[in-house]
Protein backbone atom coordinates (compact mmCIF):
# COMPACT_ATOMS: atom_id res chain seq x y z
CA MET A 1 81.66 -29.34 209.65
CA ARG A 2 82.04 -29.96 213.50
CA ARG A 3 84.87 -29.10 215.49
CA GLY A 4 86.76 -32.29 215.70
CA ASP A 5 85.17 -34.16 212.76
CA PHE A 6 89.28 -34.07 211.54
CA HIS A 7 92.11 -34.93 213.50
CA SER A 8 94.01 -31.37 211.79
CA SER A 9 92.69 -28.82 209.67
CA GLY A 10 94.84 -30.08 207.03
CA ASP A 11 92.95 -33.31 207.11
CA ALA A 12 89.58 -31.13 206.54
CA VAL A 13 91.40 -29.38 203.83
CA LEU A 14 92.16 -32.07 202.33
CA VAL A 15 88.63 -33.54 202.32
CA GLY A 16 87.50 -30.40 200.48
CA TRP A 17 89.91 -30.32 198.22
CA ILE A 18 88.81 -34.19 197.37
CA GLY A 19 85.02 -33.23 197.30
CA MET A 20 85.32 -30.08 195.02
CA ALA A 21 87.57 -32.52 192.29
CA ALA A 22 85.26 -35.03 192.87
CA PHE A 23 82.27 -32.76 191.79
CA ALA A 24 84.20 -31.35 188.90
CA VAL A 25 85.09 -34.30 187.22
CA TYR A 26 81.40 -35.42 187.85
CA GLY A 27 80.34 -31.51 186.17
CA ILE A 28 83.03 -32.39 183.14
CA ALA A 29 81.13 -36.30 182.29
CA LEU A 30 77.38 -34.24 182.31
CA ILE A 31 79.04 -31.53 180.17
CA ILE A 32 80.21 -34.36 177.81
CA ALA A 33 77.13 -36.78 178.24
CA ALA A 34 75.08 -33.45 177.32
CA ARG A 35 77.16 -32.69 173.94
CA SER A 36 77.31 -36.42 172.91
CA TYR A 37 73.44 -36.08 173.55
CA TRP A 38 72.80 -33.13 171.34
CA LEU A 39 74.92 -33.83 168.67
CA ARG A 40 73.13 -37.47 168.19
CA THR A 41 69.64 -35.78 168.25
CA ARG A 42 70.39 -32.63 166.15
CA PRO A 43 68.07 -32.83 162.96
CA ALA A 44 69.95 -34.28 159.70
CA CYS A 45 71.16 -31.53 157.33
CA GLN A 46 68.92 -31.23 154.56
CA MET A 47 70.22 -31.08 151.58
CA ALA A 48 68.62 -29.44 148.64
CA VAL A 49 67.64 -31.57 145.42
CA VAL A 50 66.95 -29.93 142.06
CA THR A 51 64.77 -31.49 139.81
CA GLU A 52 64.32 -31.16 136.51
């Protein structure tokens, strides 16, 4: 950020925190989506069938 982009240093810090929080939420959503995809696409459990 260039000097003068924000009225005060507190505004710059606030924007930084908002950006970090937004990326954290995005990362958590990606983790949840990846876990869901992994659970939906894993192979089904094969049960042993005994024939006599």
